[in-house]
Amino acid sequence: MKVIILSAGQGKRLLPMTAALPKCLLTVQGKTIIEWQIDELHKCGIEEITVVVGYNADKVKSLLQQRYGSKTIRTCCNPDYATTDNLISCWMAREEMTEDFILLNGDTLFEAPIVESLLNAPAAPITVTINLKDSYDTDDMKVSLDGSRLLHVGKDIPLDSVDGESIGMILFRGSGPLLFRNGLEKARADQSCSRRWFLSVIDEIAGQDTVSTCSIKGLAWCEVDFPADLEQAQHIVAAHFHRQEEMEALPVS
């Protein structure tokens, strides 16, 4: 299994913390966000990882080289990161989308059991990982469902039609990679594509009845967009991720 992590952006909503660092290099409980992501993926046996970089790309590459070497962690660059959204970052990584893969937002922190749940979900060309909660706000990437099948994903779904939120982790299997690449190709013909999210392509594909969902309610994750999110991430990682590492370090009796 391959993973593509979209980490090209600066994270302007986290200024001044991101004045010299991209969001993925902010520290949570002693490790950067990108390190937490890769380490949790490694726990699931996933070694082949591509990181899409952009803002201060050299700093990201330097960390990845120092921590992991260059054998399994590759990078590709979105040079237009300042004027484009993550659909273009996906486009830059399209050559990596020739086999089953997971697409991951660079600001999503998650514990390894979430990845395991996604990989064990019923087979579908595309599976969107979702969280369920009691209420949703305007910034949530909301989803509407028919059972477990995705009908729509976007921030502007009416609240009375919302059934959950995308956490920014998508699995593509079988025909899924080709469906997504074709969707990206079609989106590139749209003059507004530079300001579109890649999930707008998933929303369009959902009309073909090929997109399923995997609920991870009860498992630990968070998205880091604002300073308050970073503070919440510190608590979540301390409560769940470190605890998991301590349990794994215990001797087997």
C-alpha atoms as a PDB file:
ATOM      1  CA  MET A   1       0.000   0.000   0.000  1.00  0.00           C
ATOM      2  CA  LYS A   2       1.220   3.463  -0.923  1.00  0.00           C
ATOM      3  CA  VAL A   3       0.371   6.747   0.847  1.00  0.00           C
ATOM      4  CA  ILE A   4       0.458  10.262  -0.620  1.00  0.00           C
ATOM      5  CA  ILE A   5       0.546  13.077   1.960  1.00  0.00           C
ATOM      6  CA  LEU A   6      -0.461  16.584   0.859  1.00  0.00           C
ATOM      7  CA  SER A   7       1.854  18.924   2.791  1.00  0.00           C
ATOM      8  CA  ALA A   8       2.534  21.774   0.367  1.00  0.00           C
ATOM      9  CA  GLY A   9       0.720  24.575   2.196  1.00  0.00           C
ATOM     10  CA  GLN A  10       1.992  27.161   4.650  1.00  0.00           C
ATOM     11  CA  GLY A  11      -0.954  27.118   7.038  1.00  0.00           C
ATOM     12  CA  LYS A  12      -1.603  30.870   7.153  1.00  0.00           C
ATOM     13  CA  ARG A  13      -4.358  30.481   9.747  1.00  0.00           C
ATOM     14  CA  LEU A  14      -1.620  29.376  12.150  1.00  0.00           C
ATOM     15  CA  LEU A  15       0.526  32.501  11.742  1.00  0.00           C
ATOM     16  CA  PRO A  16       2.870  33.575  13.259  1.00  0.00           C
ATOM     17  CA  MET A  17       3.816  29.949  14.054  1.00  0.00           C
ATOM     18  CA  THR A  18       4.041  29.205  10.321  1.00  0.00           C
ATOM     19  CA  ALA A  19       5.913  32.357   9.349  1.00  0.00           C
ATOM     20  CA  ALA A  20       9.069  30.310   8.754  1.00  0.00           C
ATOM     21  CA  LEU A  21       7.742  26.747   8.949  1.00  0.00           C
ATOM     22  CA  PRO A  22       5.093  24.915   6.919  1.00  0.00           C
ATOM     23  CA  LYS A  23       2.211  23.558   8.971  1.00  0.00           C
ATOM     24  CA  CYS A  24       3.473  19.983   8.728  1.00  0.00           C
ATOM     25  CA  LEU A  25       6.625  20.920  10.685  1.00  0.00           C
ATOM     26  CA  LEU A  26       4.784  22.301  13.700  1.00  0.00           C
ATOM     27  CA  THR A  27       5.553  20.282  16.812  1.00  0.00           C
ATOM     28  CA  VAL A  28       3.016  18.250  18.783  1.00  0.00           C
ATOM     29  CA  GLN A  29       4.264  16.542  21.946  1.00  0.00           C
ATOM     30  CA  GLY A  30       7.874  16.607  20.806  1.00  0.00           C
ATOM     31  CA  LYS A  31       7.410  15.494  17.181  1.00  0.00           C
ATOM     32  CA  THR A  32       6.358  17.291  14.037  1.00  0.00           C
ATOM     33  CA  ILE A  33       2.962  16.624  12.485  1.00  0.00           C
ATOM     34  CA  ILE A  34       4.548  14.907   9.475  1.00  0.00           C
ATOM     35  CA  GLU A  35       6.575  12.632  11.771  1.00  0.00           C
ATOM     36  CA  TRP A  36       3.449  11.634  13.706  1.00  0.00           C
ATOM     37  CA  GLN A  37       1.734  10.786  10.432  1.00  0.00           C
ATOM     38  CA  ILE A  38       4.600   8.714   9.050  1.00  0.00           C
ATOM     39  CA  ASP A  39       5.243   6.923  12.342  1.00  0.00           C
ATOM     40  CA  GLU A  40       1.564   5.912  12.647  1.00  0.00           C
ATOM     41  CA  LEU A  41       1.618   4.693   9.023  1.00  0.00           C
ATOM     42  CA  HIS A  42       4.737   2.653   9.754  1.00  0.00           C
ATOM     43  CA  LYS A  43       2.904   0.956  12.622  1.00  0.00           C
ATOM     44  CA  CYS A  44       0.448  -0.309   9.986  1.00  0.00           C
ATOM     45  CA  GLY A  45       3.251  -1.721   7.853  1.00  0.00           C
ATOM     46  CA  ILE A  46       3.066   1.081   5.281  1.00  0.00           C
ATOM     47  CA  GLU A  47       6.534   2.071   4.115  1.00  0.00           C
ATOM     48  CA  GLU A  48       6.008   3.560   0.639  1.00  0.00           C
ATOM     49  CA  ILE A  49       5.144   7.213   1.236  1.00  0.00           C
ATOM     50  CA  THR A  50       5.229  10.265  -1.029  1.00  0.00           C
ATOM     51  CA  VAL A  51       4.999  13.751   0.484  1.00  0.00           C
ATOM     52  CA  VAL A  52       3.852  16.666  -1.688  1.00  0.00           C
ATOM     53  CA  VAL A  53       5.838  19.706  -0.539  1.00  0.00           C
ATOM     54  CA  GLY A  54       5.720  23.390  -1.415  1.00  0.00           C
ATOM     55  CA  TYR A  55       6.190  26.125   1.194  1.00  0.00           C
ATOM     56  CA  ASN A  56       9.737  25.934   2.584  1.00  0.00           C
ATOM     57  CA  ALA A  57      10.084  22.581   0.839  1.00  0.00           C
ATOM     58  CA  ASP A  58      13.781  22.285   1.676  1.00  0.00           C
ATOM     59  CA  LYS A  59      13.010  22.265   5.394  1.00  0.00           C
ATOM     60  CA  VAL A  60      10.525  19.415   4.968  1.00  0.00           C
ATOM     61  CA  LYS A  61      12.925  17.452   2.777  1.00  0.00           C
ATOM     62  CA  SER A  62      15.726  17.978   5.283  1.00  0.00           C
ATOM     63  CA  LEU A  63      13.657  16.623   8.166  1.00  0.00           C
ATOM     64  CA  LEU A  64      12.491  13.611   6.147  1.00  0.00           C
ATOM     65  CA  GLN A  65      16.048  12.820   5.054  1.00  0.00           C
ATOM     66  CA  GLN A  66      17.422  13.187   8.571  1.00  0.00           C
ATOM     67  CA  ARG A  67      14.698  11.110  10.225  1.00  0.00           C
ATOM     68  CA  TYR A  68      13.865   8.453   7.624  1.00  0.00           C
ATOM     69  CA  GLY A  69      16.479   8.500   4.869  1.00  0.00           C
ATOM     70  CA  SER A  70      15.560   8.583   1.194  1.00  0.00           C
ATOM     71  CA  LYS A  71      14.726   4.949   0.464  1.00  0.00           C
ATOM     72  CA  THR A  72      11.004   4.936   1.229  1.00  0.00           C
ATOM     73  CA  ILE A  73       9.987   8.579   1.743  1.00  0.00           C
ATOM     74  CA  ARG A  74       9.832  10.412  -1.575  1.00  0.00           C
ATOM     75  CA  THR A  75       8.791  13.986  -2.286  1.00  0.00           C
ATOM     76  CA  CYS A  76       7.258  15.857  -5.183  1.00  0.00           C
ATOM     77  CA  CYS A  77       6.683  19.596  -5.326  1.00  0.00           C
ATOM     78  CA  ASN A  78       3.740  21.879  -5.974  1.00  0.00           C
ATOM     79  CA  PRO A  79       5.613  25.067  -6.941  1.00  0.00           C
ATOM     80  CA  ASP A  80       2.322  26.975  -7.109  1.00  0.00           C
ATOM     81  CA  TYR A  81       1.353  26.175  -3.504  1.00  0.00           C
ATOM     82  CA  ALA A  82       0.807  29.865  -2.678  1.00  0.00           C
ATOM     83  CA  THR A  83      -1.865  30.377  -5.332  1.00  0.00           C
ATOM     84  CA  THR A  84      -3.481  26.926  -5.580  1.00  0.00           C
ATOM     85  CA  ASP A  85      -5.394  24.529  -3.368  1.00  0.00           C
ATOM     86  CA  ASN A  86      -4.853  20.822  -2.778  1.00  0.00           C
ATOM     87  CA  LEU A  87      -6.426  19.682  -6.052  1.00  0.00           C
ATOM     88  CA  ILE A  88      -3.290  20.954  -7.793  1.00  0.00           C
ATOM     89  CA  SER A  89      -1.087  19.192  -5.235  1.00  0.00           C
ATOM     90  CA  CYS A  90      -2.914  15.980  -6.179  1.00  0.00           C
ATOM     91  CA  TRP A  91      -2.305  16.749  -9.838  1.00  0.00           C
ATOM     92  CA  MET A  92       1.416  17.091  -9.171  1.00  0.00           C
ATOM     93  CA  ALA A  93       1.409  13.630  -7.571  1.00  0.00           C
ATOM     94  CA  ARG A  94      -0.730  11.922 -10.224  1.00  0.00           C
ATOM     95  CA  GLU A  95       2.171   9.748 -11.444  1.00  0.00           C
ATOM     96  CA  GLU A  96       2.138   8.082  -8.023  1.00  0.00           C
ATOM     97  CA  MET A  97      -1.525   7.087  -8.454  1.00  0.00           C
ATOM     98  CA  THR A  98      -1.043   3.947 -10.546  1.00  0.00           C
ATOM     99  CA  GLU A  99      -1.884   1.383  -7.839  1.00  0.00           C
ATOM    100  CA  ASP A 100      -3.840   1.146  -4.596  1.00  0.00           C
ATOM    101  CA  PHE A 101      -3.052   4.122  -2.356  1.00  0.00           C
ATOM    102  CA  ILE A 102      -4.227   6.285   0.530  1.00  0.00           C
ATOM    103  CA  LEU A 103      -4.467  10.051   0.055  1.00  0.00           C
ATOM    104  CA  LEU A 104      -3.912  11.990   3.269  1.00  0.00           C
ATOM    105  CA  ASN A 105      -4.180  15.663   4.183  1.00  0.00           C
ATOM    106  CA  GLY A 106      -0.976  16.961   5.724  1.00  0.00           C
ATOM    107  CA  ASP A 107      -2.799  18.454   8.706  1.00  0.00           C
ATOM    108  CA  THR A 108      -4.683  15.323   9.832  1.00  0.00           C
ATOM    109  CA  LEU A 109      -3.326  13.665  12.975  1.00  0.00           C
ATOM    110  CA  PHE A 110      -4.575  10.121  13.542  1.00  0.00           C
ATOM    111  CA  GLU A 111      -3.806   6.998  15.520  1.00  0.00           C
ATOM    112  CA  ALA A 112      -2.797   3.822  13.683  1.00  0.00           C
ATOM    113  CA  PRO A 113      -6.118   1.969  14.341  1.00  0.00           C
ATOM    114  CA  ILE A 114      -7.828   4.480  12.022  1.00  0.00           C
ATOM    115  CA  VAL A 115      -5.642   3.373   9.113  1.00  0.00           C
ATOM    116  CA  GLU A 116      -6.233  -0.268  10.035  1.00  0.00           C
ATOM    117  CA  SER A 117     -10.004   0.304  10.069  1.00  0.00           C
ATOM    118  CA  LEU A 118      -9.827   1.914   6.640  1.00  0.00           C
ATOM    119  CA  LEU A 119      -7.734  -0.908   5.165  1.00  0.00           C
ATOM    120  CA  ASN A 120     -10.156  -3.479   6.604  1.00  0.00           C
ATOM    121  CA  ALA A 121     -13.258  -1.702   5.295  1.00  0.00           C
ATOM    122  CA  PRO A 122     -15.376  -3.515   2.673  1.00  0.00           C
ATOM    123  CA  ALA A 123     -13.739  -3.274  -0.725  1.00  0.00           C
ATOM    124  CA  ALA A 124     -14.803  -0.319  -2.871  1.00  0.00           C
ATOM    125  CA  PRO A 125     -13.013   1.698  -5.571  1.00  0.00           C
ATOM    126  CA  ILE A 126     -12.912   4.723  -3.255  1.00  0.00           C
ATOM    127  CA  THR A 127     -13.459   4.792   0.510  1.00  0.00           C
ATOM    128  CA  VAL A 128     -13.717   8.083   2.407  1.00  0.00           C
ATOM    129  CA  THR A 129     -12.849   7.978   6.104  1.00  0.00           C
ATOM    130  CA  ILE A 130     -15.504   9.816   8.120  1.00  0.00           C
ATOM    131  CA  ASN A 131     -16.167  10.860  11.677  1.00  0.00           C
ATOM    132  CA  LEU A 132     -19.589  11.183  13.265  1.00  0.00           C
ATOM    133  CA  LYS A 133     -20.371  13.824  15.873  1.00  0.00           C
ATOM    134  CA  ASP A 134     -23.329  15.656  17.368  1.00  0.00           C
ATOM    135  CA  SER A 135     -22.952  18.944  15.480  1.00  0.00           C
ATOM    136  CA  TYR A 136     -21.005  20.440  12.588  1.00  0.00           C
ATOM    137  CA  ASP A 137     -19.691  23.917  11.780  1.00  0.00           C
ATOM    138  CA  THR A 138     -19.090  25.838   8.563  1.00  0.00           C
ATOM    139  CA  ASP A 139     -15.452  24.742   8.318  1.00  0.00           C
ATOM    140  CA  ASP A 140     -16.171  20.994   8.571  1.00  0.00           C
ATOM    141  CA  MET A 141     -15.824  19.000   5.339  1.00  0.00           C
ATOM    142  CA  LYS A 142     -19.278  17.495   5.671  1.00  0.00           C
ATOM    143  CA  VAL A 143     -20.701  14.373   4.027  1.00  0.00           C
ATOM    144  CA  SER A 144     -24.175  13.109   3.204  1.00  0.00           C
ATOM    145  CA  LEU A 145     -24.753   9.365   2.931  1.00  0.00           C
ATOM    146  CA  ASP A 146     -27.095   6.664   1.734  1.00  0.00           C
ATOM    147  CA  GLY A 147     -26.223   3.938   4.225  1.00  0.00           C
ATOM    148  CA  SER A 148     -22.434   3.752   3.911  1.00  0.00           C
ATOM    149  CA  ARG A 149     -22.413   5.080   0.333  1.00  0.00           C
ATOM    150  CA  LEU A 150     -21.234   8.650  -0.174  1.00  0.00           C
ATOM    151  CA  LEU A 151     -23.723  10.969  -1.850  1.00  0.00           C
ATOM    152  CA  HIS A 152     -21.945  14.306  -1.420  1.00  0.00           C
ATOM    153  CA  VAL A 153     -18.913  15.799   0.325  1.00  0.00           C
ATOM    154  CA  GLY A 154     -18.309  19.520   0.836  1.00  0.00           C
ATOM    155  CA  LYS A 155     -18.423  22.374   3.307  1.00  0.00           C
ATOM    156  CA  ASP A 156     -21.728  23.779   2.014  1.00  0.00           C
ATOM    157  CA  ILE A 157     -23.977  20.735   2.540  1.00  0.00           C
ATOM    158  CA  PRO A 158     -27.151  21.857   4.393  1.00  0.00           C
ATOM    159  CA  LEU A 159     -26.964  20.867   8.054  1.00  0.00           C
ATOM    160  CA  ASP A 160     -30.187  18.858   7.860  1.00  0.00           C
ATOM    161  CA  SER A 161     -28.514  16.646   5.225  1.00  0.00           C
ATOM    162  CA  VAL A 162     -25.218  16.095   7.064  1.00  0.00           C
ATOM    163  CA  ASP A 163     -24.335  12.565   8.210  1.00  0.00           C
ATOM    164  CA  GLY A 164     -20.685  13.054   9.175  1.00  0.00           C
ATOM    165  CA  GLU A 165     -17.416  14.724   8.184  1.00  0.00           C
ATOM    166  CA  SER A 166     -14.448  13.668   6.096  1.00  0.00           C
ATOM    167  CA  ILE A 167     -11.235  13.500   8.134  1.00  0.00           C
ATOM    168  CA  GLY A 168      -9.004  13.920   5.075  1.00  0.00           C
ATOM    169  CA  MET A 169      -7.992  10.282   4.536  1.00  0.00           C
ATOM    170  CA  ILE A 170      -9.178   8.490   1.355  1.00  0.00           C
ATOM    171  CA  LEU A 171      -8.433   4.941   0.181  1.00  0.00           C
ATOM    172  CA  PHE A 172      -8.320   4.149  -3.549  1.00  0.00           C
ATOM    173  CA  ARG A 173      -8.397   0.487  -4.609  1.00  0.00           C
ATOM    174  CA  GLY A 174      -8.869  -1.445  -7.840  1.00  0.00           C
ATOM    175  CA  SER A 175     -10.398   0.967 -10.361  1.00  0.00           C
ATOM    176  CA  GLY A 176     -10.307   3.821  -7.819  1.00  0.00           C
ATOM    177  CA  PRO A 177      -6.887   5.278  -8.740  1.00  0.00           C
ATOM    178  CA  LEU A 178      -7.850   5.546 -12.418  1.00  0.00           C
ATOM    179  CA  LEU A 179     -11.250   7.042 -11.556  1.00  0.00           C
ATOM    180  CA  PHE A 180      -9.527   9.696  -9.464  1.00  0.00           C
ATOM    181  CA  ARG A 181      -6.835  10.478 -12.038  1.00  0.00           C
ATOM    182  CA  ASN A 182      -9.506  10.850 -14.711  1.00  0.00           C
ATOM    183  CA  GLY A 183     -11.447  13.118 -12.356  1.00  0.00           C
ATOM    184  CA  LEU A 184      -8.349  15.261 -11.819  1.00  0.00           C
ATOM    185  CA  GLU A 185      -7.828  15.451 -15.575  1.00  0.00           C
ATOM    186  CA  LYS A 186     -11.406  16.643 -16.062  1.00  0.00           C
ATOM    187  CA  ALA A 187     -11.042  19.182 -13.250  1.00  0.00           C
ATOM    188  CA  ARG A 188      -7.913  20.635 -14.853  1.00  0.00           C
ATOM    189  CA  ALA A 189     -10.076  21.810 -17.756  1.00  0.00           C
ATOM    190  CA  ASP A 190     -11.987  24.050 -15.333  1.00  0.00           C
ATOM    191  CA  GLN A 191     -10.506  27.547 -15.096  1.00  0.00           C
ATOM    192  CA  SER A 192     -11.274  27.617 -11.361  1.00  0.00           C
ATOM    193  CA  CYS A 193      -9.415  24.353 -10.664  1.00  0.00           C
ATOM    194  CA  SER A 194      -6.508  26.124  -8.950  1.00  0.00           C
ATOM    195  CA  ARG A 195      -8.774  27.071  -6.033  1.00  0.00           C
ATOM    196  CA  ARG A 196     -10.588  23.747  -5.723  1.00  0.00           C
ATOM    197  CA  TRP A 197     -10.194  21.032  -3.111  1.00  0.00           C
ATOM    198  CA  PHE A 198      -9.534  17.509  -4.337  1.00  0.00           C
ATOM    199  CA  LEU A 199     -12.671  16.415  -2.471  1.00  0.00           C
ATOM    200  CA  SER A 200     -14.696  18.293  -5.097  1.00  0.00           C
ATOM    201  CA  VAL A 201     -13.513  15.594  -7.509  1.00  0.00           C
ATOM    202  CA  ILE A 202     -14.614  12.893  -5.062  1.00  0.00           C
ATOM    203  CA  ASP A 203     -17.999  14.619  -4.843  1.00  0.00           C
ATOM    204  CA  GLU A 204     -18.375  14.381  -8.622  1.00  0.00           C
ATOM    205  CA  ILE A 205     -17.270  10.734  -8.716  1.00  0.00           C
ATOM    206  CA  ALA A 206     -19.770   9.884  -5.960  1.00  0.00           C
ATOM    207  CA  GLY A 207     -22.540  10.176  -8.530  1.00  0.00           C
ATOM    208  CA  GLN A 208     -21.197   6.994 -10.149  1.00  0.00           C
ATOM    209  CA  ASP A 209     -22.058   4.918  -7.035  1.00  0.00           C
ATOM    210  CA  THR A 210     -18.387   4.010  -6.550  1.00  0.00           C
ATOM    211  CA  VAL A 211     -17.584   5.877  -3.321  1.00  0.00           C
ATOM    212  CA  SER A 212     -18.067   4.239   0.067  1.00  0.00           C
ATOM    213  CA  THR A 213     -17.270   5.441   3.588  1.00  0.00           C
ATOM    214  CA  CYS A 214     -15.600   4.076   6.703  1.00  0.00           C
ATOM    215  CA  SER A 215     -16.653   5.455  10.083  1.00  0.00           C
ATOM    216  CA  ILE A 216     -13.933   5.827  12.720  1.00  0.00           C
ATOM    217  CA  LYS A 217     -16.147   7.176  15.503  1.00  0.00           C
ATOM    218  CA  GLY A 218     -14.465   6.720  18.875  1.00  0.00           C
ATOM    219  CA  LEU A 219     -10.915   6.632  17.520  1.00  0.00           C
ATOM    220  CA  ALA A 220      -8.440   9.476  18.087  1.00  0.00           C
ATOM    221  CA  TRP A 221      -7.820  12.069  15.382  1.00  0.00           C
ATOM    222  CA  CYS A 222      -7.819  15.817  14.826  1.00  0.00           C
ATOM    223  CA  GLU A 223      -7.271  18.363  12.080  1.00  0.00           C
ATOM    224  CA  VAL A 224      -4.829  21.213  12.702  1.00  0.00           C
ATOM    225  CA  ASP A 225      -6.063  24.421  11.068  1.00  0.00           C
ATOM    226  CA  PHE A 226      -6.144  27.005  13.863  1.00  0.00           C
ATOM    227  CA  PRO A 227      -4.125  27.657  17.056  1.00  0.00           C
ATOM    228  CA  ALA A 228      -6.922  26.098  19.121  1.00  0.00           C
ATOM    229  CA  ASP A 229      -6.637  22.934  16.988  1.00  0.00           C
ATOM    230  CA  LEU A 230      -2.930  22.730  17.748  1.00  0.00           C
ATOM    231  CA  GLU A 231      -3.646  22.973  21.464  1.00  0.00           C
ATOM    232  CA  GLN A 232      -6.282  20.241  21.151  1.00  0.00           C
ATOM    233  CA  ALA A 233      -3.796  18.100  19.221  1.00  0.00           C
ATOM    234  CA  GLN A 234      -1.353  18.300  22.128  1.00  0.00           C
ATOM    235  CA  HIS A 235      -3.999  16.808  24.434  1.00  0.00           C
ATOM    236  CA  ILE A 236      -5.163  14.138  21.980  1.00  0.00           C
ATOM    237  CA  VAL A 237      -1.644  12.945  21.224  1.00  0.00           C
ATOM    238  CA  ALA A 238      -0.722  12.886  24.909  1.00  0.00           C
ATOM    239  CA  ALA A 239      -3.840  10.887  25.769  1.00  0.00           C
ATOM    240  CA  HIS A 240      -3.832   8.387  22.893  1.00  0.00           C
ATOM    241  CA  PHE A 241      -0.654   8.231  20.832  1.00  0.00           C
ATOM    242  CA  HIS A 242       1.851   8.268  23.700  1.00  0.00           C
ATOM    243  CA  ARG A 243      -0.270   5.770  25.618  1.00  0.00           C
ATOM    244  CA  GLN A 244      -0.198   3.428  22.632  1.00  0.00           C
ATOM    245  CA  GLU A 245       3.581   3.750  22.350  1.00  0.00           C
ATOM    246  CA  GLU A 246       3.991   3.004  26.063  1.00  0.00           C
ATOM    247  CA  MET A 247       1.837  -0.116  25.766  1.00  0.00           C
ATOM    248  CA  GLU A 248       3.878  -1.327  22.792  1.00  0.00           C
ATOM    249  CA  ALA A 249       7.066  -0.847  24.816  1.00  0.00           C
ATOM    250  CA  LEU A 250       5.855  -3.065  27.671  1.00  0.00           C
ATOM    251  CA  PRO A 251       7.604  -6.463  27.872  1.00  0.00           C
ATOM    252  CA  VAL A 252       5.583  -9.442  26.720  1.00  0.00           C
ATOM    253  CA  SER A 253       4.848 -11.732  29.670  1.00  0.00           C
END
